Protein backbone atom coordinates (compact mmCIF):
# COMPACT_ATOMS: atom_id res chain seq x y z
CA SER A 1 15.32 28.84 28.87
CA ARG A 2 17.67 27.49 26.15
CA LEU A 3 14.64 25.16 24.99
CA ALA A 4 12.05 27.11 24.98
CA GLY A 5 9.03 25.68 23.11
CA MET A 6 10.53 22.23 23.14
CA GLY A 7 7.85 20.10 24.72
CA ASP A 8 5.04 21.99 24.20
CA LYS A 9 2.88 19.41 23.09
CA GLY A 10 -0.48 20.77 23.90
CA ASP A 11 -1.42 22.38 20.60
CA ARG A 12 -0.01 19.69 18.60
CA SER A 13 -1.61 16.88 20.02
CA LYS A 14 -4.88 18.14 19.63
CA THR A 15 -4.99 19.04 16.04
CA GLN A 16 -2.54 16.34 14.79
CA ASN A 17 -4.34 13.62 13.13
CA VAL A 18 -2.25 11.93 10.68
CA GLY A 19 -4.34 8.49 10.89
CA LEU A 20 -5.17 6.97 7.80
CA ASP A 21 -8.88 5.74 7.66
CA LEU A 22 -8.76 2.18 6.19
CA SER A 23 -11.73 1.05 7.65
CA LYS A 24 -13.96 1.61 4.52
CA TYR A 25 -11.81 -1.04 2.50
CA GLN A 26 -12.28 -3.29 5.42
CA ASP A 27 -13.25 -6.92 4.07
CA LYS A 28 -12.67 -5.53 0.32
CA SER A 29 -9.86 -6.30 -2.01
CA VAL A 30 -7.09 -4.23 -1.64
CA ARG A 31 -3.68 -4.22 -4.00
CA VAL A 32 -0.56 -3.20 -1.69
CA LYS A 33 3.05 -2.34 -2.93
CA PHE A 34 6.10 -2.61 -0.73
CA SER A 35 9.20 -0.87 -0.81
CA GLY A 36 11.62 -2.92 -2.69
CA GLY A 37 8.99 -3.51 -5.38
CA ARG A 38 7.08 -6.36 -4.23
CA GLU A 39 3.02 -6.14 -4.98
CA VAL A 40 0.20 -8.26 -3.46
CA LEU A 41 -3.53 -8.56 -3.86
CA GLY A 42 -5.70 -9.72 -1.05
CA ILE A 43 -8.97 -8.89 1.57
CA LEU A 44 -8.08 -6.44 4.12
CA LYS A 45 -8.49 -7.97 7.56
CA GLY A 46 -7.17 -5.57 9.86
CA PHE A 47 -5.05 -2.57 10.31
CA ASP A 48 -3.62 -0.10 12.90
CA GLN A 49 -2.68 3.37 12.65
CA LEU A 50 1.03 2.50 11.86
CA VAL A 51 -0.42 0.97 8.70
CA ASN A 52 0.41 -2.49 9.72
CA LEU A 53 -1.77 -4.38 7.53
CA VAL A 54 -3.53 -8.02 7.84
CA LEU A 55 -4.47 -9.28 4.35
CA ASP A 56 -6.44 -12.64 3.62
CA ASP A 57 -6.36 -14.70 0.37
CA CYS A 58 -3.24 -13.03 -0.60
CA ILE A 59 -1.57 -13.13 -4.26
CA GLU A 60 1.73 -11.96 -4.65
CA TYR A 61 2.30 -10.87 -8.26
CA LEU A 62 5.90 -12.19 -9.07
CA ARG A 63 8.70 -10.02 -10.57
CA ASP A 64 10.86 -10.15 -13.45
CA PRO A 65 14.23 -11.71 -12.48
CA ASP A 66 16.22 -9.06 -14.60
CA ASP A 67 14.31 -6.19 -13.52
CA PRO A 68 12.80 -6.39 -9.92
CA TYR A 69 10.56 -3.50 -10.56
CA ARG A 70 8.78 -5.13 -13.31
CA LEU A 71 5.99 -7.50 -12.57
CA THR A 72 5.40 -10.78 -14.68
CA ASP A 73 2.10 -12.32 -15.56
CA GLU A 74 2.91 -14.84 -12.94
CA THR A 75 1.30 -15.05 -9.39
CA ARG A 76 1.40 -17.18 -6.55
CA HIS A 77 -1.12 -17.66 -3.71
CA ILE A 78 0.22 -16.86 -0.26
CA GLY A 79 -2.90 -16.96 2.16
CA LEU A 80 -2.70 -14.76 5.22
CA VAL A 81 -0.46 -12.16 5.40
CA VAL A 82 0.73 -9.50 8.09
CA CYS A 83 2.33 -6.47 6.69
CA ARG A 84 4.71 -4.23 8.18
CA GLY A 85 3.39 -0.64 7.89
CA THR A 86 7.03 0.78 7.51
CA ALA A 87 7.51 -1.19 3.90
CA VAL A 88 3.90 -0.31 2.73
CA THR A 89 4.33 2.37 -0.18
CA LEU A 90 0.87 2.30 -1.67
CA ILE A 91 -2.48 0.76 -0.85
CA CYS A 92 -5.14 0.99 -3.59
CA PRO A 93 -8.86 -0.76 -3.54
CA THR A 94 -9.50 -2.85 -6.49
CA ASP A 95 -13.15 -2.15 -6.96
CA GLY A 96 -13.87 0.48 -9.37
CA VAL A 97 -10.46 0.24 -10.90
CA ALA A 98 -9.70 -0.03 -14.31
CA GLU A 99 -6.52 -0.10 -16.44
CA ILE A 100 -6.36 2.23 -19.38
CA ALA A 101 -3.83 3.35 -22.16
CA ASN A 102 -1.42 6.12 -21.06
CA PRO A 103 -2.73 9.26 -22.79
CA PHE A 104 1.13 10.44 -22.59
CA ALA A 105 2.86 7.54 -24.04
CA ALA A 106 4.28 8.44 -27.69
CA PRO A 107 2.20 6.29 -30.15
CA GLU A 108 3.71 2.98 -31.25
CA GLU A 109 4.70 2.83 -35.38
CA SER A 110 3.74 -0.40 -37.20
């Protein structure tokens, strides 16, 4: 047949498990980055297989008006948020994370 092999889902569906297990971060603080540059910090309350997220007690990090990909020190409290999975680019737990100096950056001259 012209479409040989098309529709043979038997083998793939048994082995294909692309789901992301976020259950270990449930009720813990996570930082989420979105396509377009927005970033929020909140408590992960729920998620599904499409990475749609429910975050509680959410804080948005405001961006620089001149450079939308650069964050400022300003934040705003936005409360309970439902995040669409297609917009999520990164999910990072905040426990055990520390900011360090970039070892690859050129040393600053005084």
